[in-house]
Amino acid sequence: MIPWTQIDSASIPGGGGELRLKQRGTEFSIMLGSNELMNSRLSGSEEALATLAFAEIEATRKPHMLIGGLGMGFTLRAALAVLPKDATVTVAELVPAVIAWARGPMAEVFKGCLDDPRVTIHEGDVAALIKASRDTFDAILLDVDNGPDGLTRESNDQLYSFSGLQYSKAALRKGGMLAVWSSGPDPRFTRRLKDSGYTVREVNTRANGKRGGARHVIWLAGNGTMKKL
């Protein structure tokens, strides 16, 4: 078996630890300590985050989608595959090195999606961007951690708190959609979404789509009536 090789590392701003980019043949992995945050072979649930959210806003003219967390680009590529040509996609990524990895060693994984004219990269904290926005986005997709219980940064918790959920609601346009990826269920977060006034649907998905893999959860939270509910 080909051994893993570490090809780069980067500190997470705010004292969140160190990310390590590893490669084994054509396979890539991003690690935080002993935790694998993402793997280039497992993309199903990240892709579902985009397609499920888009299904709720597909009738929207000139939709603007915010993706929190670039990762390995699976959510972005899935979004670009379904969004219309007049859409705008803002990707907020906190760690500059992740953007550099996308254009460098993992360029083949990203397949040029960062060069799509619909895409704008915001280098910074997605929570701060959401807080500063009003009636801006038709969909906000959050995949910045392992779920509502922050793993990489304690400050990620603010995204999923009552106040963070209110900021997201204010940043969404009428009929907008907040979609949140998680490595597992969190009944308290489901309740928090509902108590914050969202219409909520919880979707179970698999790490590798129809081919199986670990079970993940996606919350679809609308600030209006959800057509798929």
C-alpha atoms as a PDB file:
ATOM      1  CA  MET A   1       0.000   0.000   0.000  1.00  0.00           C
ATOM      2  CA  ILE A   2       1.243   3.481  -0.836  1.00  0.00           C
ATOM      3  CA  PRO A   3       2.082   5.346   2.401  1.00  0.00           C
ATOM      4  CA  TRP A   4       0.627   8.736   3.278  1.00  0.00           C
ATOM      5  CA  THR A   5       2.919  11.724   2.813  1.00  0.00           C
ATOM      6  CA  GLN A   6       2.342  15.084   4.466  1.00  0.00           C
ATOM      7  CA  ILE A   7       2.796  17.779   1.843  1.00  0.00           C
ATOM      8  CA  ASP A   8       1.873  20.903   3.794  1.00  0.00           C
ATOM      9  CA  SER A   9       0.426  22.264   7.029  1.00  0.00           C
ATOM     10  CA  ALA A  10      -1.296  25.473   8.074  1.00  0.00           C
ATOM     11  CA  SER A  11      -2.431  27.081  11.317  1.00  0.00           C
ATOM     12  CA  ILE A  12      -6.109  27.865  11.742  1.00  0.00           C
ATOM     13  CA  PRO A  13      -6.513  31.542  12.686  1.00  0.00           C
ATOM     14  CA  GLY A  14      -7.769  32.123  16.199  1.00  0.00           C
ATOM     15  CA  GLY A  15      -5.866  29.267  17.786  1.00  0.00           C
ATOM     16  CA  GLY A  16      -7.829  26.481  16.149  1.00  0.00           C
ATOM     17  CA  GLY A  17      -4.878  24.152  15.745  1.00  0.00           C
ATOM     18  CA  GLU A  18      -3.006  23.002  12.672  1.00  0.00           C
ATOM     19  CA  LEU A  19      -4.374  21.548   9.462  1.00  0.00           C
ATOM     20  CA  ARG A  20      -2.239  18.962   7.677  1.00  0.00           C
ATOM     21  CA  LEU A  21      -2.601  18.160   3.995  1.00  0.00           C
ATOM     22  CA  LYS A  22      -1.633  14.563   3.213  1.00  0.00           C
ATOM     23  CA  GLN A  23      -1.416  12.656  -0.062  1.00  0.00           C
ATOM     24  CA  ARG A  24      -1.391   8.985  -0.997  1.00  0.00           C
ATOM     25  CA  GLY A  25      -1.211   8.495  -4.743  1.00  0.00           C
ATOM     26  CA  THR A  26      -4.122  10.494  -6.150  1.00  0.00           C
ATOM     27  CA  GLU A  27      -5.941  10.563  -2.782  1.00  0.00           C
ATOM     28  CA  PHE A  28      -5.834  13.596  -0.474  1.00  0.00           C
ATOM     29  CA  SER A  29      -6.740  14.013   3.171  1.00  0.00           C
ATOM     30  CA  ILE A  30      -6.967  17.080   5.405  1.00  0.00           C
ATOM     31  CA  MET A  31      -6.337  16.280   9.050  1.00  0.00           C
ATOM     32  CA  LEU A  32      -6.712  18.131  12.338  1.00  0.00           C
ATOM     33  CA  GLY A  33      -4.789  16.174  14.932  1.00  0.00           C
ATOM     34  CA  SER A  34      -5.999  12.574  14.651  1.00  0.00           C
ATOM     35  CA  ASN A  35      -9.296  13.646  13.055  1.00  0.00           C
ATOM     36  CA  GLU A  36      -9.734  13.446   9.303  1.00  0.00           C
ATOM     37  CA  LEU A  37     -11.832  16.460   8.332  1.00  0.00           C
ATOM     38  CA  MET A  38     -12.176  15.515   4.683  1.00  0.00           C
ATOM     39  CA  ASN A  39     -10.980  13.015   2.122  1.00  0.00           C
ATOM     40  CA  SER A  40     -10.943  13.352  -1.657  1.00  0.00           C
ATOM     41  CA  ARG A  41     -12.602   9.930  -2.058  1.00  0.00           C
ATOM     42  CA  LEU A  42     -15.659  10.869   0.033  1.00  0.00           C
ATOM     43  CA  SER A  43     -17.792  13.604  -1.467  1.00  0.00           C
ATOM     44  CA  GLY A  44     -21.413  12.431  -1.402  1.00  0.00           C
ATOM     45  CA  SER A  45     -22.769  14.329   1.603  1.00  0.00           C
ATOM     46  CA  GLU A  46     -20.885  17.537   0.720  1.00  0.00           C
ATOM     47  CA  GLU A  47     -22.422  17.411  -2.760  1.00  0.00           C
ATOM     48  CA  ALA A  48     -25.858  16.771  -1.237  1.00  0.00           C
ATOM     49  CA  LEU A  49     -25.479  19.940   0.831  1.00  0.00           C
ATOM     50  CA  ALA A  50     -25.500  21.946  -2.401  1.00  0.00           C
ATOM     51  CA  THR A  51     -28.102  20.021  -4.373  1.00  0.00           C
ATOM     52  CA  LEU A  52     -30.623  19.821  -1.526  1.00  0.00           C
ATOM     53  CA  ALA A  53     -30.312  23.535  -0.805  1.00  0.00           C
ATOM     54  CA  PHE A  54     -30.614  24.447  -4.480  1.00  0.00           C
ATOM     55  CA  ALA A  55     -33.780  22.374  -4.847  1.00  0.00           C
ATOM     56  CA  GLU A  56     -35.422  24.753  -2.384  1.00  0.00           C
ATOM     57  CA  ILE A  57     -34.433  27.944  -4.241  1.00  0.00           C
ATOM     58  CA  GLU A  58     -34.358  26.755  -7.861  1.00  0.00           C
ATOM     59  CA  ALA A  59     -37.141  29.151  -8.892  1.00  0.00           C
ATOM     60  CA  THR A  60     -35.143  32.156  -7.645  1.00  0.00           C
ATOM     61  CA  ARG A  61     -33.905  34.577 -10.303  1.00  0.00           C
ATOM     62  CA  LYS A  62     -30.184  35.359 -10.166  1.00  0.00           C
ATOM     63  CA  PRO A  63     -29.620  33.395  -6.955  1.00  0.00           C
ATOM     64  CA  HIS A  64     -26.756  34.280  -4.634  1.00  0.00           C
ATOM     65  CA  MET A  65     -25.334  31.367  -2.655  1.00  0.00           C
ATOM     66  CA  LEU A  66     -22.853  31.637   0.206  1.00  0.00           C
ATOM     67  CA  ILE A  67     -20.724  28.576   0.946  1.00  0.00           C
ATOM     68  CA  GLY A  68     -18.951  28.605   4.291  1.00  0.00           C
ATOM     69  CA  GLY A  69     -15.828  26.485   4.005  1.00  0.00           C
ATOM     70  CA  LEU A  70     -14.028  25.661   0.750  1.00  0.00           C
ATOM     71  CA  GLY A  71     -12.852  22.215   1.865  1.00  0.00           C
ATOM     72  CA  MET A  72     -11.999  20.112  -1.176  1.00  0.00           C
ATOM     73  CA  GLY A  73     -14.481  21.946  -3.378  1.00  0.00           C
ATOM     74  CA  PHE A  74     -17.125  19.225  -3.553  1.00  0.00           C
ATOM     75  CA  THR A  75     -19.973  21.473  -2.383  1.00  0.00           C
ATOM     76  CA  LEU A  76     -18.842  24.261  -4.704  1.00  0.00           C
ATOM     77  CA  ARG A  77     -18.595  21.984  -7.743  1.00  0.00           C
ATOM     78  CA  ALA A  78     -22.012  20.465  -7.032  1.00  0.00           C
ATOM     79  CA  ALA A  79     -23.509  23.947  -6.668  1.00  0.00           C
ATOM     80  CA  LEU A  80     -22.019  25.145  -9.946  1.00  0.00           C
ATOM     81  CA  ALA A  81     -23.409  22.077 -11.712  1.00  0.00           C
ATOM     82  CA  VAL A  82     -27.002  23.011 -10.833  1.00  0.00           C
ATOM     83  CA  LEU A  83     -26.970  26.801 -10.483  1.00  0.00           C
ATOM     84  CA  PRO A  84     -27.963  28.918 -13.507  1.00  0.00           C
ATOM     85  CA  LYS A  85     -25.479  31.009 -15.453  1.00  0.00           C
ATOM     86  CA  ASP A  86     -26.670  34.221 -13.810  1.00  0.00           C
ATOM     87  CA  ALA A  87     -26.010  32.925 -10.276  1.00  0.00           C
ATOM     88  CA  THR A  88     -23.397  34.267  -7.872  1.00  0.00           C
ATOM     89  CA  VAL A  89     -21.467  32.032  -5.485  1.00  0.00           C
ATOM     90  CA  THR A  90     -19.441  33.483  -2.629  1.00  0.00           C
ATOM     91  CA  VAL A  91     -17.107  31.033  -0.903  1.00  0.00           C
ATOM     92  CA  ALA A  92     -15.801  32.098   2.514  1.00  0.00           C
ATOM     93  CA  GLU A  93     -12.614  30.335   3.586  1.00  0.00           C
ATOM     94  CA  LEU A  94     -10.800  31.237   6.789  1.00  0.00           C
ATOM     95  CA  VAL A  95      -7.480  29.475   6.124  1.00  0.00           C
ATOM     96  CA  PRO A  96      -5.517  31.017   3.215  1.00  0.00           C
ATOM     97  CA  ALA A  97      -3.520  27.812   2.728  1.00  0.00           C
ATOM     98  CA  VAL A  98      -6.686  25.869   1.875  1.00  0.00           C
ATOM     99  CA  ILE A  99      -7.217  28.222  -1.070  1.00  0.00           C
ATOM    100  CA  ALA A 100      -3.575  27.765  -2.081  1.00  0.00           C
ATOM    101  CA  TRP A 101      -3.940  23.965  -1.879  1.00  0.00           C
ATOM    102  CA  ALA A 102      -6.972  24.187  -4.166  1.00  0.00           C
ATOM    103  CA  ARG A 103      -4.935  25.961  -6.815  1.00  0.00           C
ATOM    104  CA  GLY A 104      -1.773  23.941  -6.184  1.00  0.00           C
ATOM    105  CA  PRO A 105      -1.466  20.288  -5.141  1.00  0.00           C
ATOM    106  CA  MET A 106      -5.235  19.632  -5.273  1.00  0.00           C
ATOM    107  CA  ALA A 107      -5.875  21.419  -8.569  1.00  0.00           C
ATOM    108  CA  GLU A 108      -6.968  18.150 -10.180  1.00  0.00           C
ATOM    109  CA  VAL A 109      -9.574  17.640  -7.449  1.00  0.00           C
ATOM    110  CA  PHE A 110     -10.990  21.145  -7.933  1.00  0.00           C
ATOM    111  CA  LYS A 111     -11.068  20.863 -11.734  1.00  0.00           C
ATOM    112  CA  GLY A 112     -10.907  24.623 -12.278  1.00  0.00           C
ATOM    113  CA  CYS A 113     -14.072  25.454 -10.349  1.00  0.00           C
ATOM    114  CA  LEU A 114     -12.438  28.449  -8.660  1.00  0.00           C
ATOM    115  CA  ASP A 115     -12.060  30.027 -12.090  1.00  0.00           C
ATOM    116  CA  ASP A 116     -15.792  29.878 -12.825  1.00  0.00           C
ATOM    117  CA  PRO A 117     -16.955  33.495 -13.423  1.00  0.00           C
ATOM    118  CA  ARG A 118     -19.825  32.972 -10.969  1.00  0.00           C
ATOM    119  CA  VAL A 119     -17.410  32.368  -8.087  1.00  0.00           C
ATOM    120  CA  THR A 120     -15.943  34.906  -5.666  1.00  0.00           C
ATOM    121  CA  ILE A 121     -13.577  33.810  -2.897  1.00  0.00           C
ATOM    122  CA  HIS A 122     -13.862  35.670   0.414  1.00  0.00           C
ATOM    123  CA  GLU A 123     -10.766  35.050   2.522  1.00  0.00           C
ATOM    124  CA  GLY A 124     -12.059  35.407   6.059  1.00  0.00           C
ATOM    125  CA  ASP A 125     -14.473  34.202   8.720  1.00  0.00           C
ATOM    126  CA  VAL A 126     -17.885  33.261   7.331  1.00  0.00           C
ATOM    127  CA  ALA A 127     -19.499  34.175  10.666  1.00  0.00           C
ATOM    128  CA  ALA A 128     -18.254  37.756  10.372  1.00  0.00           C
ATOM    129  CA  LEU A 129     -19.419  37.943   6.747  1.00  0.00           C
ATOM    130  CA  ILE A 130     -22.892  36.707   7.685  1.00  0.00           C
ATOM    131  CA  LYS A 131     -23.096  39.148  10.599  1.00  0.00           C
ATOM    132  CA  ALA A 132     -22.260  42.045   8.284  1.00  0.00           C
ATOM    133  CA  SER A 133     -24.826  41.045   5.622  1.00  0.00           C
ATOM    134  CA  ARG A 134     -28.522  41.910   5.336  1.00  0.00           C
ATOM    135  CA  ASP A 135     -30.968  40.449   2.784  1.00  0.00           C
ATOM    136  CA  THR A 136     -28.008  39.328   0.671  1.00  0.00           C
ATOM    137  CA  PHE A 137     -28.105  35.576   0.117  1.00  0.00           C
ATOM    138  CA  ASP A 138     -30.716  33.168  -1.182  1.00  0.00           C
ATOM    139  CA  ALA A 139     -28.888  30.237   0.383  1.00  0.00           C
ATOM    140  CA  ILE A 140     -26.237  29.927   3.066  1.00  0.00           C
ATOM    141  CA  LEU A 141     -24.417  26.584   3.147  1.00  0.00           C
ATOM    142  CA  LEU A 142     -22.301  25.876   6.212  1.00  0.00           C
ATOM    143  CA  ASP A 143     -19.649  23.156   6.247  1.00  0.00           C
ATOM    144  CA  VAL A 144     -16.992  24.834   8.374  1.00  0.00           C
ATOM    145  CA  ASP A 145     -16.634  22.169  11.043  1.00  0.00           C
ATOM    146  CA  ASN A 146     -17.795  18.652  11.943  1.00  0.00           C
ATOM    147  CA  GLY A 147     -21.212  20.093  12.741  1.00  0.00           C
ATOM    148  CA  PRO A 148     -22.908  22.366  15.268  1.00  0.00           C
ATOM    149  CA  ASP A 149     -20.575  21.129  18.011  1.00  0.00           C
ATOM    150  CA  GLY A 150     -17.412  22.932  16.879  1.00  0.00           C
ATOM    151  CA  LEU A 151     -14.307  20.770  16.525  1.00  0.00           C
ATOM    152  CA  THR A 152     -11.794  22.965  14.720  1.00  0.00           C
ATOM    153  CA  ARG A 153     -12.557  26.301  16.431  1.00  0.00           C
ATOM    154  CA  GLU A 154     -14.635  27.110  19.498  1.00  0.00           C
ATOM    155  CA  SER A 155     -15.621  30.357  17.776  1.00  0.00           C
ATOM    156  CA  ASN A 156     -17.444  28.279  15.155  1.00  0.00           C
ATOM    157  CA  ASP A 157     -20.031  27.673  17.860  1.00  0.00           C
ATOM    158  CA  GLN A 158     -21.289  31.224  17.321  1.00  0.00           C
ATOM    159  CA  LEU A 159     -22.596  30.194  13.908  1.00  0.00           C
ATOM    160  CA  TYR A 160     -24.919  27.669  15.506  1.00  0.00           C
ATOM    161  CA  SER A 161     -25.996  29.608  18.599  1.00  0.00           C
ATOM    162  CA  PHE A 162     -29.336  31.401  18.835  1.00  0.00           C
ATOM    163  CA  SER A 163     -27.666  34.701  17.965  1.00  0.00           C
ATOM    164  CA  GLY A 164     -25.742  33.152  15.061  1.00  0.00           C
ATOM    165  CA  LEU A 165     -28.922  31.661  13.635  1.00  0.00           C
ATOM    166  CA  GLN A 166     -30.592  35.066  13.834  1.00  0.00           C
ATOM    167  CA  TYR A 167     -27.693  36.651  11.960  1.00  0.00           C
ATOM    168  CA  SER A 168     -28.064  34.009   9.249  1.00  0.00           C
ATOM    169  CA  LYS A 169     -31.788  34.662   9.027  1.00  0.00           C
ATOM    170  CA  ALA A 170     -31.140  38.397   8.635  1.00  0.00           C
ATOM    171  CA  ALA A 171     -28.531  37.720   5.920  1.00  0.00           C
ATOM    172  CA  LEU A 172     -31.021  35.633   3.917  1.00  0.00           C
ATOM    173  CA  ARG A 173     -33.484  37.095   1.468  1.00  0.00           C
ATOM    174  CA  LYS A 174     -37.149  36.251   1.806  1.00  0.00           C
ATOM    175  CA  GLY A 175     -37.687  32.577   1.040  1.00  0.00           C
ATOM    176  CA  GLY A 176     -33.993  31.878   1.648  1.00  0.00           C
ATOM    177  CA  MET A 177     -32.437  28.662   2.870  1.00  0.00           C
ATOM    178  CA  LEU A 178     -29.845  27.857   5.543  1.00  0.00           C
ATOM    179  CA  ALA A 179     -28.243  24.430   4.992  1.00  0.00           C
ATOM    180  CA  VAL A 180     -25.901  22.939   7.591  1.00  0.00           C
ATOM    181  CA  TRP A 181     -23.693  19.837   7.221  1.00  0.00           C
ATOM    182  CA  SER A 182     -22.859  17.634  10.204  1.00  0.00           C
ATOM    183  CA  SER A 183     -20.999  14.389  10.781  1.00  0.00           C
ATOM    184  CA  GLY A 184     -23.889  13.232  12.979  1.00  0.00           C
ATOM    185  CA  PRO A 185     -27.279  14.096  14.456  1.00  0.00           C
ATOM    186  CA  ASP A 186     -27.770  16.832  17.052  1.00  0.00           C
ATOM    187  CA  PRO A 187     -31.332  17.033  18.457  1.00  0.00           C
ATOM    188  CA  ARG A 188     -30.479  20.166  20.428  1.00  0.00           C
ATOM    189  CA  PHE A 189     -29.485  21.972  17.247  1.00  0.00           C
ATOM    190  CA  THR A 190     -32.694  20.861  15.526  1.00  0.00           C
ATOM    191  CA  ARG A 191     -34.649  22.361  18.424  1.00  0.00           C
ATOM    192  CA  ARG A 192     -32.566  25.534  18.321  1.00  0.00           C
ATOM    193  CA  LEU A 193     -33.352  25.996  14.627  1.00  0.00           C
ATOM    194  CA  LYS A 194     -37.065  25.577  15.248  1.00  0.00           C
ATOM    195  CA  ASP A 195     -37.003  27.877  18.265  1.00  0.00           C
ATOM    196  CA  SER A 196     -35.231  30.467  16.076  1.00  0.00           C
ATOM    197  CA  GLY A 197     -38.210  30.523  13.734  1.00  0.00           C
ATOM    198  CA  TYR A 198     -36.931  28.385  10.886  1.00  0.00           C
ATOM    199  CA  THR A 199     -38.952  25.761   9.055  1.00  0.00           C
ATOM    200  CA  VAL A 200     -36.719  22.712   9.439  1.00  0.00           C
ATOM    201  CA  ARG A 201     -36.117  19.486   7.570  1.00  0.00           C
ATOM    202  CA  GLU A 202     -33.397  17.050   8.657  1.00  0.00           C
ATOM    203  CA  VAL A 203     -31.935  14.833   5.920  1.00  0.00           C
ATOM    204  CA  ASN A 204     -29.785  11.751   6.490  1.00  0.00           C
ATOM    205  CA  THR A 205     -27.151  11.202   3.834  1.00  0.00           C
ATOM    206  CA  ARG A 206     -24.053   9.069   3.258  1.00  0.00           C
ATOM    207  CA  ALA A 207     -20.433  10.102   2.971  1.00  0.00           C
ATOM    208  CA  ASN A 208     -20.112   8.520  -0.459  1.00  0.00           C
ATOM    209  CA  GLY A 209     -23.632   9.077  -1.719  1.00  0.00           C
ATOM    210  CA  LYS A 210     -25.406   6.016  -3.130  1.00  0.00           C
ATOM    211  CA  ARG A 211     -22.250   3.973  -2.610  1.00  0.00           C
ATOM    212  CA  GLY A 212     -22.672   4.212   1.164  1.00  0.00           C
ATOM    213  CA  GLY A 213     -20.111   5.257   3.724  1.00  0.00           C
ATOM    214  CA  ALA A 214     -20.549   6.994   7.075  1.00  0.00           C
ATOM    215  CA  ARG A 215     -23.929   8.504   7.895  1.00  0.00           C
ATOM    216  CA  HIS A 216     -24.069  12.284   7.911  1.00  0.00           C
ATOM    217  CA  VAL A 217     -26.835  14.818   8.520  1.00  0.00           C
ATOM    218  CA  ILE A 218     -27.914  17.934   6.633  1.00  0.00           C
ATOM    219  CA  TRP A 219     -30.343  20.435   8.101  1.00  0.00           C
ATOM    220  CA  LEU A 220     -32.400  22.481   5.661  1.00  0.00           C
ATOM    221  CA  ALA A 221     -33.782  25.504   7.476  1.00  0.00           C
ATOM    222  CA  GLY A 222     -35.982  27.953   5.595  1.00  0.00           C
ATOM    223  CA  ASN A 223     -37.065  31.423   6.648  1.00  0.00           C
ATOM    224  CA  GLY A 224     -40.368  30.760   4.873  1.00  0.00           C
ATOM    225  CA  THR A 225     -42.422  27.792   3.666  1.00  0.00           C
ATOM    226  CA  MET A 226     -40.258  24.985   2.306  1.00  0.00           C
ATOM    227  CA  LYS A 227     -41.623  23.425  -0.848  1.00  0.00           C
ATOM    228  CA  LYS A 228     -39.916  20.076  -0.209  1.00  0.00           C
ATOM    229  CA  LEU A 229     -41.182  19.733   3.371  1.00  0.00           C
END
